[in-house]
Amino acid sequence: MLVQGAFIASLLGVFGYASIACANSCANVDVIGGFDESGLRETAYGIYATGTFRIEGEREESKQPNFNLTTVRCEKDHQDSVGLECRVTQAIVVATPDKPNPDEPNCSLDLNYSDYSMKELQKGVFTGMELSTTCWDSILTIDRNKQRVYLSFTRSQDADKTLPSVCGKLPRTQVLMNCTGWPRIRKHGQTPPRYCDFSSASDKR
């Protein structure tokens, strides 16, 4: 498991977690509009959300996280009446610095998931952490008041022990956004080619 973690971390060090070293050659990847939603879906069984984790307000694509389509599925913890057990599943595209080339693939697709035991630290705000054997522990925050899902990071205990040369700078906080083509349509195309916001199909814009 440690070898696999080190391998993944080395890839992140080469490609850049947020592709900071170069323009993201997966920048032409888009999300089909089947998930035209934002905010949270709440039922008697739990809380659910779908979208793309992005750095809000960051206009430079090379500083954004690798492009992703993410589902957040949180079920109520039957042993803790106010807790949630959440699984975050992400399909992620990872780019190399090269331009797209049909003869030499330079944009890889990966699928991963993370599990979080969430506690309500303040009214309407749930937080949980997933510990890592690589660079960063990840912190998931679900804010029912703002209808937002956040992903932030803190340096893991193993970062300096096993991977001191590849971890680099702490990733910035990300928030789940709607990156389908629909937000751009609602803005009548007066947006950058890749445009994400917090609108949804229920908006009247």
Protein backbone atom coordinates (compact mmCIF):
# COMPACT_ATOMS: atom_id res chain seq x y z
CA MET A 1 0.00 0.00 0.00
CA LEU A 2 2.88 2.35 0.83
CA VAL A 3 4.57 1.58 -2.50
CA GLN A 4 1.34 2.34 -4.35
CA GLY A 5 0.92 5.56 -2.39
CA ALA A 6 4.48 6.60 -3.16
CA PHE A 7 3.93 5.89 -6.85
CA ILE A 8 0.77 8.01 -6.93
CA ALA A 9 2.46 10.80 -5.04
CA SER A 10 5.40 10.73 -7.46
CA LEU A 11 2.95 11.09 -10.35
CA LEU A 12 1.37 14.06 -8.63
CA GLY A 13 4.80 15.53 -8.16
CA VAL A 14 5.59 15.13 -11.88
CA PHE A 15 2.24 16.21 -13.28
CA GLY A 16 1.39 18.69 -10.52
CA TYR A 17 -1.68 18.28 -8.35
CA ALA A 18 -3.06 21.46 -9.87
CA SER A 19 -0.88 21.35 -13.00
CA ILE A 20 0.92 24.49 -11.84
CA ALA A 21 4.09 23.97 -13.87
CA CYS A 22 2.39 24.10 -17.27
CA ALA A 23 -0.88 24.63 -19.04
CA ASN A 24 -3.23 21.74 -18.44
CA SER A 25 -3.44 19.90 -21.77
CA CYS A 26 -6.72 18.36 -20.61
CA ALA A 27 -8.23 21.85 -20.63
CA ASN A 28 -10.44 20.93 -23.58
CA VAL A 29 -12.25 18.27 -21.52
CA ASP A 30 -15.83 19.20 -20.67
CA VAL A 31 -18.70 17.74 -18.64
CA ILE A 32 -21.79 16.48 -20.45
CA GLY A 33 -24.84 18.38 -19.20
CA GLY A 34 -26.54 15.48 -17.44
CA PHE A 35 -25.52 16.91 -14.06
CA ASP A 36 -26.89 20.45 -14.33
CA GLU A 37 -27.04 20.96 -10.59
CA SER A 38 -25.42 22.77 -7.72
CA GLY A 39 -25.73 22.78 -3.97
CA LEU A 40 -26.97 19.78 -1.99
CA ARG A 41 -29.70 17.21 -2.45
CA GLU A 42 -31.07 16.15 0.92
CA THR A 43 -33.35 13.22 1.69
CA ALA A 44 -34.40 11.32 4.79
CA TYR A 45 -31.40 9.03 4.18
CA GLY A 46 -28.59 11.53 3.70
CA ILE A 47 -26.99 14.30 1.65
CA TYR A 48 -25.83 14.06 -1.96
CA ALA A 49 -24.03 16.34 -4.44
CA THR A 50 -22.48 16.17 -7.90
CA GLY A 51 -20.11 18.59 -9.60
CA THR A 52 -16.50 19.51 -10.22
CA PHE A 53 -14.03 20.55 -7.54
CA ARG A 54 -12.50 23.90 -8.53
CA ILE A 55 -10.66 26.81 -6.91
CA GLU A 56 -13.32 29.50 -6.84
CA GLY A 57 -12.25 32.74 -8.51
CA GLU A 58 -9.03 31.33 -10.04
CA ARG A 59 -9.04 32.34 -13.71
CA GLU A 60 -5.74 30.72 -14.67
CA GLU A 61 -6.55 27.19 -15.76
CA SER A 62 -3.03 25.93 -15.04
CA LYS A 63 -3.58 26.69 -11.34
CA GLN A 64 -6.82 24.73 -11.13
CA PRO A 65 -6.96 21.12 -9.86
CA ASN A 66 -6.90 18.39 -12.44
CA PHE A 67 -10.32 18.46 -14.08
CA ASN A 68 -12.77 16.09 -12.43
CA LEU A 69 -16.35 14.92 -12.18
CA THR A 70 -17.21 14.18 -8.56
CA THR A 71 -20.08 12.64 -6.65
CA VAL A 72 -20.52 13.06 -2.90
CA ARG A 73 -22.77 10.52 -1.23
CA CYS A 74 -23.39 10.84 2.50
CA GLU A 75 -25.55 8.41 4.44
CA LYS A 76 -26.75 9.00 7.96
CA ASP A 77 -24.70 7.23 10.61
CA HIS A 78 -27.13 4.91 12.43
CA GLN A 79 -24.83 4.80 15.46
CA ASP A 80 -24.55 8.58 15.62
CA SER A 81 -27.79 10.47 15.04
CA VAL A 82 -25.98 13.65 13.96
CA GLY A 83 -23.09 12.05 12.02
CA LEU A 84 -22.68 11.20 8.34
CA GLU A 85 -20.63 8.60 6.51
CA CYS A 86 -19.55 10.11 3.18
CA ARG A 87 -17.90 8.65 0.10
CA VAL A 88 -16.39 11.00 -2.48
CA THR A 89 -15.93 9.38 -5.91
CA GLN A 90 -13.94 11.24 -8.54
CA ALA A 91 -13.19 10.66 -12.22
CA ILE A 92 -10.05 12.76 -12.83
CA VAL A 93 -8.07 13.62 -15.95
CA VAL A 94 -4.32 14.08 -15.40
CA ALA A 95 -2.30 15.98 -18.00
CA THR A 96 1.33 16.06 -19.07
CA PRO A 97 2.86 19.31 -20.35
CA ASP A 98 2.65 18.22 -24.00
CA LYS A 99 0.05 19.43 -26.44
CA PRO A 100 -2.71 16.93 -27.36
CA ASN A 101 -1.30 14.31 -29.71
CA PRO A 102 -3.37 11.36 -31.04
CA ASP A 103 -0.18 9.34 -31.55
CA GLU A 104 1.06 9.79 -27.99
CA PRO A 105 -1.64 9.97 -25.28
CA ASN A 106 -0.85 12.73 -22.82
CA CYS A 107 -4.11 12.96 -20.88
CA SER A 108 -4.84 10.10 -18.47
CA LEU A 109 -8.15 9.22 -16.79
CA ASP A 110 -8.28 7.93 -13.22
CA LEU A 111 -11.03 6.96 -10.82
CA ASN A 112 -10.65 7.16 -7.06
CA TYR A 113 -12.73 7.39 -3.93
CA SER A 114 -12.29 8.64 -0.39
CA ASP A 115 -14.32 7.94 2.74
CA TYR A 116 -15.04 10.43 5.50
CA SER A 117 -16.70 10.08 8.89
CA MET A 118 -18.41 13.43 9.29
CA LYS A 119 -19.29 15.26 12.50
CA GLU A 120 -21.46 18.35 12.86
CA LEU A 121 -18.95 20.76 14.41
CA GLN A 122 -21.40 23.65 14.21
CA LYS A 123 -25.05 23.85 13.23
CA GLY A 124 -25.43 22.79 9.61
CA VAL A 125 -21.69 22.30 8.98
CA PHE A 126 -20.25 18.77 8.77
CA THR A 127 -16.51 18.06 8.62
CA GLY A 128 -14.44 14.90 8.26
CA MET A 129 -10.83 13.99 7.45
CA GLU A 130 -9.22 11.21 5.44
CA LEU A 131 -5.67 10.42 6.53
CA SER A 132 -3.08 9.71 3.86
CA THR A 133 0.21 7.83 3.60
CA THR A 134 1.32 10.29 0.90
CA CYS A 135 1.49 14.09 0.93
CA TRP A 136 -1.84 15.45 2.06
CA ASP A 137 -4.62 14.58 4.44
CA SER A 138 -7.89 15.75 2.92
CA ILE A 139 -10.70 17.53 4.78
CA LEU A 140 -14.26 17.39 3.46
CA THR A 141 -16.67 20.09 4.63
CA ILE A 142 -20.38 20.13 3.84
CA ASP A 143 -22.08 23.42 4.64
CA ARG A 144 -25.86 23.00 4.60
CA ASN A 145 -26.32 26.70 5.32
CA LYS A 146 -24.43 27.86 2.21
CA GLN A 147 -25.27 24.72 0.17
CA ARG A 148 -21.60 24.16 -0.56
CA VAL A 149 -19.11 21.26 -0.46
CA TYR A 150 -15.45 22.11 0.20
CA LEU A 151 -12.26 20.07 -0.07
CA SER A 152 -9.19 21.34 1.76
CA PHE A 153 -5.83 19.84 2.66
CA THR A 154 -3.27 19.64 5.41
CA ARG A 155 0.19 18.12 5.34
CA SER A 156 0.21 14.47 6.38
CA GLN A 157 2.45 13.01 9.07
CA ASP A 158 4.22 10.86 6.46
CA ALA A 159 4.89 13.67 3.98
CA ASP A 160 8.33 14.59 5.31
CA LYS A 161 9.25 11.02 6.24
CA THR A 162 8.70 9.20 2.96
CA LEU A 163 8.13 11.81 0.24
CA PRO A 164 10.01 15.01 1.16
CA SER A 165 11.04 15.78 -2.43
CA VAL A 166 7.69 15.41 -4.20
CA CYS A 167 5.01 16.94 -1.98
CA GLY A 168 5.56 20.58 -2.86
CA LYS A 169 3.17 23.36 -1.96
CA LEU A 170 -0.05 22.79 -0.03
CA PRO A 171 -3.02 22.64 -2.46
CA ARG A 172 -5.58 25.40 -2.17
CA THR A 173 -9.14 24.87 -0.94
CA GLN A 174 -11.57 23.66 -3.60
CA VAL A 175 -15.36 23.93 -3.82
CA LEU A 176 -17.82 21.78 -5.76
CA MET A 177 -19.15 23.71 -8.76
CA ASN A 178 -21.34 23.18 -11.82
CA CYS A 179 -18.98 22.92 -14.82
CA THR A 180 -21.42 21.55 -17.39
CA GLY A 181 -22.21 23.61 -20.47
CA TRP A 182 -25.45 24.88 -18.94
CA PRO A 183 -24.00 27.68 -16.75
CA ARG A 184 -22.31 29.10 -19.85
CA ILE A 185 -25.56 28.89 -21.81
CA ARG A 186 -27.35 30.74 -19.02
CA LYS A 187 -24.75 33.49 -19.40
CA HIS A 188 -25.46 33.54 -23.18
CA GLY A 189 -21.92 32.38 -23.88
CA GLN A 190 -20.37 35.55 -22.45
CA THR A 191 -17.89 33.57 -20.37
CA PRO A 192 -14.48 31.90 -20.70
CA PRO A 193 -14.53 28.61 -22.68
CA ARG A 194 -14.49 26.66 -19.43
CA TYR A 195 -16.95 28.29 -17.07
CA CYS A 196 -18.17 27.00 -13.72
CA ASP A 197 -20.58 28.51 -11.20
CA PHE A 198 -23.17 27.56 -8.59
CA SER A 199 -26.24 27.67 -10.83
CA SER A 200 -28.50 24.71 -11.58
CA ALA A 201 -31.37 23.62 -13.84
CA SER A 202 -33.84 25.14 -11.38
CA ASP A 203 -32.46 28.66 -11.94
CA LYS A 204 -34.57 30.93 -14.14
CA ARG A 205 -31.65 32.67 -15.81
